[in-house]
Amino acid sequence: MNVFQWETAEEIDKKLADRIRNLRRRRKISQEELSRKCGVSYGSIKRFENTGMISLLSLTKIAIALGCTEEIRGLFTEVPYNSIEEVINETR
């Protein structure tokens, strides 16, 4: 079953970065302060907020520093099945 994807991976990543930037600003934390709090370089945070590019480990560290670990833990926890075959394959 093919699903048409309206957004590119880059667009999804950029929207995630925008949400993180907005959360950081709402909490009145500068990029430099976030860098110190989470141990991710200032350059990596700046690049992430501008482009959406970051490693998963760095994203997790940022989420911990911003108090958003449940959102990371919740990724892919309740993905619906695409077919009965997926249900059968999971039980094997």
PDB file of N, CA and C in Angstrom:
ATOM      1  N   MET A   1       0.836  -1.174   0.000  1.00  0.00           N
ATOM      2  CA  MET A   1       0.000   0.000   0.000  1.00  0.00           C
ATOM      3  C   MET A   1       0.889   1.248   0.000  1.00  0.00           C
ATOM      4  N   ASN A   2       0.827   2.043  -1.036  1.00  0.00           N
ATOM      5  CA  ASN A   2       1.617   3.257  -1.136  1.00  0.00           C
ATOM      6  C   ASN A   2       0.824   4.440  -0.594  1.00  0.00           C
ATOM      7  N   VAL A   3       1.491   5.242   0.208  1.00  0.00           N
ATOM      8  CA  VAL A   3       0.874   6.442   0.750  1.00  0.00           C
ATOM      9  C   VAL A   3       1.608   7.632   0.164  1.00  0.00           C
ATOM     10  N   PHE A   4       0.862   8.583  -0.389  1.00  0.00           N
ATOM     11  CA  PHE A   4       1.491   9.761  -0.962  1.00  0.00           C
ATOM     12  C   PHE A   4       1.943  10.680   0.162  1.00  0.00           C
ATOM     13  N   GLN A   5       3.192  11.057   0.151  1.00  0.00           N
ATOM     14  CA  GLN A   5       3.770  11.942   1.159  1.00  0.00           C
ATOM     15  C   GLN A   5       3.817  13.353   0.605  1.00  0.00           C
ATOM     16  N   TRP A   6       3.123  14.278   1.252  1.00  0.00           N
ATOM     17  CA  TRP A   6       3.040  15.658   0.779  1.00  0.00           C
ATOM     18  C   TRP A   6       4.280  16.467   1.103  1.00  0.00           C
ATOM     19  N   GLU A   7       4.998  16.083   2.144  1.00  0.00           N
ATOM     20  CA  GLU A   7       6.178  16.845   2.568  1.00  0.00           C
ATOM     21  C   GLU A   7       7.431  16.011   2.356  1.00  0.00           C
ATOM     22  N   THR A   8       8.523  16.693   2.084  1.00  0.00           N
ATOM     23  CA  THR A   8       9.801  16.000   1.995  1.00  0.00           C
ATOM     24  C   THR A   8      10.354  15.801   3.401  1.00  0.00           C
ATOM     25  N   ALA A   9      11.334  14.939   3.515  1.00  0.00           N
ATOM     26  CA  ALA A   9      11.992  14.723   4.805  1.00  0.00           C
ATOM     27  C   ALA A   9      12.591  16.028   5.318  1.00  0.00           C
ATOM     28  N   GLU A  10      13.155  16.810   4.428  1.00  0.00           N
ATOM     29  CA  GLU A  10      13.764  18.082   4.813  1.00  0.00           C
ATOM     30  C   GLU A  10      12.713  19.057   5.354  1.00  0.00           C
ATOM     31  N   GLU A  11      11.547  19.072   4.745  1.00  0.00           N
ATOM     32  CA  GLU A  11      10.483  19.958   5.221  1.00  0.00           C
ATOM     33  C   GLU A  11       9.978  19.535   6.603  1.00  0.00           C
ATOM     34  N   ILE A  12       9.852  18.247   6.813  1.00  0.00           N
ATOM     35  CA  ILE A  12       9.429  17.745   8.126  1.00  0.00           C
ATOM     36  C   ILE A  12      10.474  18.093   9.179  1.00  0.00           C
ATOM     37  N   ASP A  13      11.745  17.883   8.861  1.00  0.00           N
ATOM     38  CA  ASP A  13      12.825  18.208   9.799  1.00  0.00           C
ATOM     39  C   ASP A  13      12.839  19.695  10.135  1.00  0.00           C
ATOM     40  N   LYS A  14      12.630  20.541   9.141  1.00  0.00           N
ATOM     41  CA  LYS A  14      12.638  21.990   9.366  1.00  0.00           C
ATOM     42  C   LYS A  14      11.472  22.404  10.260  1.00  0.00           C
ATOM     43  N   LYS A  15      10.313  21.814  10.066  1.00  0.00           N
ATOM     44  CA  LYS A  15       9.165  22.124  10.923  1.00  0.00           C
ATOM     45  C   LYS A  15       9.425  21.689  12.361  1.00  0.00           C
ATOM     46  N   LEU A  16      10.085  20.551  12.545  1.00  0.00           N
ATOM     47  CA  LEU A  16      10.468  20.108  13.891  1.00  0.00           C
ATOM     48  C   LEU A  16      11.429  21.108  14.514  1.00  0.00           C
ATOM     49  N   ALA A  17      12.404  21.547  13.746  1.00  0.00           N
ATOM     50  CA  ALA A  17      13.370  22.533  14.241  1.00  0.00           C
ATOM     51  C   ALA A  17      12.674  23.836  14.621  1.00  0.00           C
ATOM     52  N   ASP A  18      11.699  24.240  13.821  1.00  0.00           N
ATOM     53  CA  ASP A  18      10.946  25.459  14.133  1.00  0.00           C
ATOM     54  C   ASP A  18      10.192  25.315  15.454  1.00  0.00           C
ATOM     55  N   ARG A  19       9.618  24.132  15.693  1.00  0.00           N
ATOM     56  CA  ARG A  19       8.895  23.911  16.955  1.00  0.00           C
ATOM     57  C   ARG A  19       9.856  23.942  18.146  1.00  0.00           C
ATOM     58  N   ILE A  20      11.032  23.358  17.974  1.00  0.00           N
ATOM     59  CA  ILE A  20      12.030  23.375  19.048  1.00  0.00           C
ATOM     60  C   ILE A  20      12.491  24.806  19.307  1.00  0.00           C
ATOM     61  N   ARG A  21      12.758  25.576  18.245  1.00  0.00           N
ATOM     62  CA  ARG A  21      13.168  26.965  18.407  1.00  0.00           C
ATOM     63  C   ARG A  21      12.088  27.771  19.140  1.00  0.00           C
ATOM     64  N   ASN A  22      10.836  27.577  18.757  1.00  0.00           N
ATOM     65  CA  ASN A  22       9.749  28.288  19.416  1.00  0.00           C
ATOM     66  C   ASN A  22       9.644  27.917  20.893  1.00  0.00           C
ATOM     67  N   LEU A  23       9.829  26.646  21.205  1.00  0.00           N
ATOM     68  CA  LEU A  23       9.812  26.208  22.601  1.00  0.00           C
ATOM     69  C   LEU A  23      10.974  26.830  23.374  1.00  0.00           C
ATOM     70  N   ARG A  24      12.168  26.840  22.774  1.00  0.00           N
ATOM     71  CA  ARG A  24      13.334  27.443  23.422  1.00  0.00           C
ATOM     72  C   ARG A  24      13.080  28.921  23.700  1.00  0.00           C
ATOM     73  N   ARG A  25      12.548  29.623  22.729  1.00  0.00           N
ATOM     74  CA  ARG A  25      12.270  31.055  22.907  1.00  0.00           C
ATOM     75  C   ARG A  25      11.182  31.287  23.956  1.00  0.00           C
ATOM     76  N   ARG A  26      10.144  30.448  23.943  1.00  0.00           N
ATOM     77  CA  ARG A  26       9.069  30.586  24.924  1.00  0.00           C
ATOM     78  C   ARG A  26       9.605  30.431  26.346  1.00  0.00           C
ATOM     79  N   ARG A  27      10.606  29.576  26.488  1.00  0.00           N
ATOM     80  CA  ARG A  27      11.222  29.371  27.801  1.00  0.00           C
ATOM     81  C   ARG A  27      12.334  30.375  28.077  1.00  0.00           C
ATOM     82  N   LYS A  28      12.539  31.304  27.137  1.00  0.00           N
ATOM     83  CA  LYS A  28      13.546  32.368  27.269  1.00  0.00           C
ATOM     84  C   LYS A  28      14.950  31.806  27.491  1.00  0.00           C
ATOM     85  N   ILE A  29      15.298  30.841  26.658  1.00  0.00           N
ATOM     86  CA  ILE A  29      16.629  30.231  26.696  1.00  0.00           C
ATOM     87  C   ILE A  29      17.327  30.585  25.386  1.00  0.00           C
ATOM     88  N   SER A  30      18.514  31.147  25.471  1.00  0.00           N
ATOM     89  CA  SER A  30      19.271  31.468  24.258  1.00  0.00           C
ATOM     90  C   SER A  30      19.865  30.180  23.680  1.00  0.00           C
ATOM     91  N   GLN A  31      20.302  30.258  22.437  1.00  0.00           N
ATOM     92  CA  GLN A  31      20.974  29.108  21.830  1.00  0.00           C
ATOM     93  C   GLN A  31      22.232  28.751  22.615  1.00  0.00           C
ATOM     94  N   GLU A  32      22.957  29.768  23.062  1.00  0.00           N
ATOM     95  CA  GLU A  32      24.179  29.527  23.832  1.00  0.00           C
ATOM     96  C   GLU A  32      23.872  28.827  25.151  1.00  0.00           C
ATOM     97  N   GLU A  33      22.821  29.274  25.829  1.00  0.00           N
ATOM     98  CA  GLU A  33      22.447  28.646  27.100  1.00  0.00           C
ATOM     99  C   GLU A  33      21.982  27.214  26.881  1.00  0.00           C
ATOM    100  N   LEU A  34      21.206  26.983  25.845  1.00  0.00           N
ATOM    101  CA  LEU A  34      20.772  25.622  25.537  1.00  0.00           C
ATOM    102  C   LEU A  34      21.973  24.740  25.249  1.00  0.00           C
ATOM    103  N   SER A  35      22.943  25.272  24.541  1.00  0.00           N
ATOM    104  CA  SER A  35      24.165  24.530  24.247  1.00  0.00           C
ATOM    105  C   SER A  35      24.858  24.082  25.531  1.00  0.00           C
ATOM    106  N   ARG A  36      24.971  24.994  26.472  1.00  0.00           N
ATOM    107  CA  ARG A  36      25.604  24.654  27.754  1.00  0.00           C
ATOM    108  C   ARG A  36      24.781  23.631  28.535  1.00  0.00           C
ATOM    109  N   LYS A  37      23.460  23.773  28.513  1.00  0.00           N
ATOM    110  CA  LYS A  37      22.587  22.879  29.277  1.00  0.00           C
ATOM    111  C   LYS A  37      22.584  21.452  28.749  1.00  0.00           C
ATOM    112  N   CYS A  38      22.688  21.313  27.431  1.00  0.00           N
ATOM    113  CA  CYS A  38      22.527  19.973  26.869  1.00  0.00           C
ATOM    114  C   CYS A  38      23.823  19.345  26.353  1.00  0.00           C
ATOM    115  N   GLY A  39      24.889  20.121  26.253  1.00  0.00           N
ATOM    116  CA  GLY A  39      26.151  19.560  25.782  1.00  0.00           C
ATOM    117  C   GLY A  39      26.231  19.397  24.273  1.00  0.00           C
ATOM    118  N   VAL A  40      25.345  20.067  23.546  1.00  0.00           N
ATOM    119  CA  VAL A  40      25.393  20.074  22.084  1.00  0.00           C
ATOM    120  C   VAL A  40      26.020  21.404  21.681  1.00  0.00           C
ATOM    121  N   SER A  41      26.912  21.374  20.726  1.00  0.00           N
ATOM    122  CA  SER A  41      27.617  22.598  20.363  1.00  0.00           C
ATOM    123  C   SER A  41      26.657  23.687  19.896  1.00  0.00           C
ATOM    124  N   TYR A  42      27.040  24.916  20.145  1.00  0.00           N
ATOM    125  CA  TYR A  42      26.261  26.078  19.705  1.00  0.00           C
ATOM    126  C   TYR A  42      26.048  26.029  18.200  1.00  0.00           C
ATOM    127  N   GLY A  43      27.095  25.668  17.464  1.00  0.00           N
ATOM    128  CA  GLY A  43      26.991  25.583  16.004  1.00  0.00           C
ATOM    129  C   GLY A  43      25.965  24.562  15.554  1.00  0.00           C
ATOM    130  N   SER A  44      25.900  23.431  16.258  1.00  0.00           N
ATOM    131  CA  SER A  44      24.925  22.394  15.909  1.00  0.00           C
ATOM    132  C   SER A  44      23.500  22.866  16.168  1.00  0.00           C
ATOM    133  N   ILE A  45      23.310  23.575  17.269  1.00  0.00           N
ATOM    134  CA  ILE A  45      21.976  24.100  17.587  1.00  0.00           C
ATOM    135  C   ILE A  45      21.569  25.146  16.562  1.00  0.00           C
ATOM    136  N   LYS A  46      22.491  26.021  16.238  1.00  0.00           N
ATOM    137  CA  LYS A  46      22.211  27.067  15.251  1.00  0.00           C
ATOM    138  C   LYS A  46      21.877  26.447  13.892  1.00  0.00           C
ATOM    139  N   ARG A  47      22.670  25.467  13.465  1.00  0.00           N
ATOM    140  CA  ARG A  47      22.431  24.788  12.186  1.00  0.00           C
ATOM    141  C   ARG A  47      21.081  24.071  12.209  1.00  0.00           C
ATOM    142  N   PHE A  48      20.768  23.406  13.322  1.00  0.00           N
ATOM    143  CA  PHE A  48      19.492  22.701  13.438  1.00  0.00           C
ATOM    144  C   PHE A  48      18.320  23.661  13.283  1.00  0.00           C
ATOM    145  N   GLU A  49      18.367  24.762  13.989  1.00  0.00           N
ATOM    146  CA  GLU A  49      17.257  25.712  13.922  1.00  0.00           C
ATOM    147  C   GLU A  49      17.126  26.352  12.541  1.00  0.00           C
ATOM    148  N   ASN A  50      18.221  26.456  11.812  1.00  0.00           N
ATOM    149  CA  ASN A  50      18.187  27.064  10.475  1.00  0.00           C
ATOM    150  C   ASN A  50      17.848  26.075   9.367  1.00  0.00           C
ATOM    151  N   THR A  51      18.260  24.822   9.536  1.00  0.00           N
ATOM    152  CA  THR A  51      18.122  23.853   8.440  1.00  0.00           C
ATOM    153  C   THR A  51      17.309  22.617   8.790  1.00  0.00           C
ATOM    154  N   GLY A  52      17.201  22.295  10.080  1.00  0.00           N
ATOM    155  CA  GLY A  52      16.539  21.069  10.496  1.00  0.00           C
ATOM    156  C   GLY A  52      17.490  19.884  10.585  1.00  0.00           C
ATOM    157  N   MET A  53      18.770  20.108  10.298  1.00  0.00           N
ATOM    158  CA  MET A  53      19.735  19.005  10.310  1.00  0.00           C
ATOM    159  C   MET A  53      20.379  18.859  11.683  1.00  0.00           C
ATOM    160  N   ILE A  54      20.291  17.637  12.253  1.00  0.00           N
ATOM    161  CA  ILE A  54      20.892  17.344  13.553  1.00  0.00           C
ATOM    162  C   ILE A  54      20.930  15.833  13.731  1.00  0.00           C
ATOM    163  N   SER A  55      21.838  15.357  14.557  1.00  0.00           N
ATOM    164  CA  SER A  55      21.866  13.930  14.840  1.00  0.00           C
ATOM    165  C   SER A  55      20.759  13.589  15.827  1.00  0.00           C
ATOM    166  N   LEU A  56      20.348  12.339  15.824  1.00  0.00           N
ATOM    167  CA  LEU A  56      19.316  11.897  16.755  1.00  0.00           C
ATOM    168  C   LEU A  56      19.786  12.055  18.198  1.00  0.00           C
ATOM    169  N   LEU A  57      21.047  11.750  18.467  1.00  0.00           N
ATOM    170  CA  LEU A  57      21.578  11.897  19.816  1.00  0.00           C
ATOM    171  C   LEU A  57      21.507  13.354  20.280  1.00  0.00           C
ATOM    172  N   SER A  58      21.893  14.279  19.416  1.00  0.00           N
ATOM    173  CA  SER A  58      21.833  15.696  19.779  1.00  0.00           C
ATOM    174  C   SER A  58      20.390  16.164  19.972  1.00  0.00           C
ATOM    175  N   LEU A  59      19.485  15.692  19.128  1.00  0.00           N
ATOM    176  CA  LEU A  59      18.078  16.042  19.288  1.00  0.00           C
ATOM    177  C   LEU A  59      17.552  15.538  20.627  1.00  0.00           C
ATOM    178  N   THR A  60      17.937  14.347  21.006  1.00  0.00           N
ATOM    179  CA  THR A  60      17.514  13.789  22.294  1.00  0.00           C
ATOM    180  C   THR A  60      18.074  14.612  23.447  1.00  0.00           C
ATOM    181  N   LYS A  61      19.319  15.035  23.354  1.00  0.00           N
ATOM    182  CA  LYS A  61      19.916  15.867  24.398  1.00  0.00           C
ATOM    183  C   LYS A  61      19.184  17.203  24.521  1.00  0.00           C
ATOM    184  N   ILE A  62      18.812  17.778  23.395  1.00  0.00           N
ATOM    185  CA  ILE A  62      18.054  19.037  23.402  1.00  0.00           C
ATOM    186  C   ILE A  62      16.693  18.816  24.052  1.00  0.00           C
ATOM    187  N   ALA A  63      16.037  17.727  23.693  1.00  0.00           N
ATOM    188  CA  ALA A  63      14.726  17.418  24.271  1.00  0.00           C
ATOM    189  C   ALA A  63      14.819  17.246  25.788  1.00  0.00           C
ATOM    190  N   ILE A  64      15.866  16.612  26.265  1.00  0.00           N
ATOM    191  CA  ILE A  64      16.063  16.453  27.710  1.00  0.00           C
ATOM    192  C   ILE A  64      16.223  17.815  28.363  1.00  0.00           C
ATOM    193  N   ALA A  65      17.045  18.668  27.769  1.00  0.00           N
ATOM    194  CA  ALA A  65      17.289  19.999  28.335  1.00  0.00           C
ATOM    195  C   ALA A  65      16.025  20.858  28.347  1.00  0.00           C
ATOM    196  N   LEU A  66      15.143  20.649  27.379  1.00  0.00           N
ATOM    197  CA  LEU A  66      13.906  21.435  27.298  1.00  0.00           C
ATOM    198  C   LEU A  66      12.729  20.756  27.990  1.00  0.00           C
ATOM    199  N   GLY A  67      12.985  19.572  28.571  1.00  0.00           N
ATOM    200  CA  GLY A  67      11.928  18.855  29.278  1.00  0.00           C
ATOM    201  C   GLY A  67      10.908  18.213  28.360  1.00  0.00           C
ATOM    202  N   CYS A  68      11.354  17.733  27.218  1.00  0.00           N
ATOM    203  CA  CYS A  68      10.448  17.142  26.220  1.00  0.00           C
ATOM    204  C   CYS A  68      10.764  15.669  25.946  1.00  0.00           C
ATOM    205  N   THR A  69      11.243  14.955  26.939  1.00  0.00           N
ATOM    206  CA  THR A  69      11.645  13.570  26.693  1.00  0.00           C
ATOM    207  C   THR A  69      10.479  12.654  26.351  1.00  0.00           C
ATOM    208  N   GLU A  70       9.303  12.937  26.886  1.00  0.00           N
ATOM    209  CA  GLU A  70       8.156  12.077  26.577  1.00  0.00           C
ATOM    210  C   GLU A  70       7.822  12.114  25.097  1.00  0.00           C
ATOM    211  N   GLU A  71       8.012  13.263  24.459  1.00  0.00           N
ATOM    212  CA  GLU A  71       7.747  13.364  23.034  1.00  0.00           C
ATOM    213  C   GLU A  71       8.705  12.487  22.240  1.00  0.00           C
ATOM    214  N   ILE A  72       9.962  12.431  22.669  1.00  0.00           N
ATOM    215  CA  ILE A  72      10.942  11.562  22.001  1.00  0.00           C
ATOM    216  C   ILE A  72      10.598  10.098  22.264  1.00  0.00           C
ATOM    217  N   ARG A  73      10.295   9.767  23.508  1.00  0.00           N
ATOM    218  CA  ARG A  73       9.936   8.380  23.850  1.00  0.00           C
ATOM    219  C   ARG A  73       8.694   7.919  23.090  1.00  0.00           C
ATOM    220  N   GLY A  74       7.796   8.840  22.798  1.00  0.00           N
ATOM    221  CA  GLY A  74       6.546   8.482  22.156  1.00  0.00           C
ATOM    222  C   GLY A  74       6.624   8.255  20.656  1.00  0.00           C
ATOM    223  N   LEU A  75       7.769   8.566  20.049  1.00  0.00           N
ATOM    224  CA  LEU A  75       7.894   8.369  18.604  1.00  0.00           C
ATOM    225  C   LEU A  75       7.697   6.900  18.241  1.00  0.00           C
ATOM    226  N   PHE A  76       6.862   6.638  17.299  1.00  0.00           N
ATOM    227  CA  PHE A  76       6.622   5.313  16.727  1.00  0.00           C
ATOM    228  C   PHE A  76       6.049   4.298  17.721  1.00  0.00           C
ATOM    229  N   THR A  77       5.449   4.761  18.818  1.00  0.00           N
ATOM    230  CA  THR A  77       4.898   3.811  19.778  1.00  0.00           C
ATOM    231  C   THR A  77       3.531   3.289  19.366  1.00  0.00           C
ATOM    232  N   GLU A  78       2.771   4.091  18.646  1.00  0.00           N
ATOM    233  CA  GLU A  78       1.436   3.671  18.242  1.00  0.00           C
ATOM    234  C   GLU A  78       1.242   3.872  16.745  1.00  0.00           C
ATOM    235  N   VAL A  79       2.048   3.171  15.986  1.00  0.00           N
ATOM    236  CA  VAL A  79       1.965   3.256  14.531  1.00  0.00           C
ATOM    237  C   VAL A  79       0.912   2.249  14.064  1.00  0.00           C
ATOM    238  N   PRO A  80      -0.081   2.692  13.321  1.00  0.00           N
ATOM    239  CA  PRO A  80      -1.129   1.753  12.872  1.00  0.00           C
ATOM    240  C   PRO A  80      -0.582   0.748  11.862  1.00  0.00           C
ATOM    241  N   TYR A  81      -1.206  -0.404  11.836  1.00  0.00           N
ATOM    242  CA  TYR A  81      -0.837  -1.423  10.860  1.00  0.00           C
ATOM    243  C   TYR A  81      -1.325  -1.006   9.481  1.00  0.00           C
ATOM    244  N   ASN A  82      -0.528  -1.335   8.468  1.00  0.00           N
ATOM    245  CA  ASN A  82      -0.913  -1.052   7.086  1.00  0.00           C
ATOM    246  C   ASN A  82      -1.691  -2.200   6.464  1.00  0.00           C
ATOM    247  N   SER A  83      -1.503  -3.393   7.018  1.00  0.00           N
ATOM    248  CA  SER A  83      -2.167  -4.556   6.425  1.00  0.00           C
ATOM    249  C   SER A  83      -2.259  -5.672   7.457  1.00  0.00           C
ATOM    250  N   ILE A  84      -3.057  -6.666   7.155  1.00  0.00           N
ATOM    251  CA  ILE A  84      -3.167  -7.843   8.016  1.00  0.00           C
ATOM    252  C   ILE A  84      -1.837  -8.599   8.045  1.00  0.00           C
ATOM    253  N   GLU A  85      -1.088  -8.520   6.943  1.00  0.00           N
ATOM    254  CA  GLU A  85       0.217  -9.186   6.890  1.00  0.00           C
ATOM    255  C   GLU A  85       1.171  -8.624   7.958  1.00  0.00           C
ATOM    256  N   GLU A  86       1.098  -7.327   8.190  1.00  0.00           N
ATOM    257  CA  GLU A  86       1.941  -6.734   9.238  1.00  0.00           C
ATOM    258  C   GLU A  86       1.574  -7.286  10.610  1.00  0.00           C
ATOM    259  N   VAL A  87       0.314  -7.468  10.862  1.00  0.00           N
ATOM    260  CA  VAL A  87      -0.139  -8.034  12.135  1.00  0.00           C
ATOM    261  C   VAL A  87       0.381  -9.443  12.292  1.00  0.00           C
ATOM    262  N   ILE A  88       0.255 -10.229  11.245  1.00  0.00           N
ATOM    263  CA  ILE A  88       0.729 -11.618  11.278  1.00  0.00           C
ATOM    264  C   ILE A  88       2.229 -11.668  11.465  1.00  0.00           C
ATOM    265  N   ASN A  89       2.971 -10.826  10.730  1.00  0.00           N
ATOM    266  CA  ASN A  89       4.438 -10.832  10.827  1.00  0.00           C
ATOM    267  C   ASN A  89       4.929 -10.404  12.194  1.00  0.00           C
ATOM    268  N   GLU A  90       4.192  -9.519  12.852  1.00  0.00           N
ATOM    269  CA  GLU A  90       4.621  -9.071  14.174  1.00  0.00           C
ATOM    270  C   GLU A  90       4.501 -10.172  15.224  1.00  0.00           C
ATOM    271  N   THR A  91       3.564 -11.065  15.056  1.00  0.00           N
ATOM    272  CA  THR A  91       3.359 -12.129  16.040  1.00  0.00           C
ATOM    273  C   THR A  91       4.282 -13.310  15.839  1.00  0.00           C
ATOM    274  N   ARG A  92       5.023 -13.328  14.765  1.00  0.00           N
ATOM    275  CA  ARG A  92       5.948 -14.445  14.493  1.00  0.00           C
ATOM    276  C   ARG A  92       7.209 -14.316  15.270  1.00  0.00           C
TER     277      ARG A  92
END
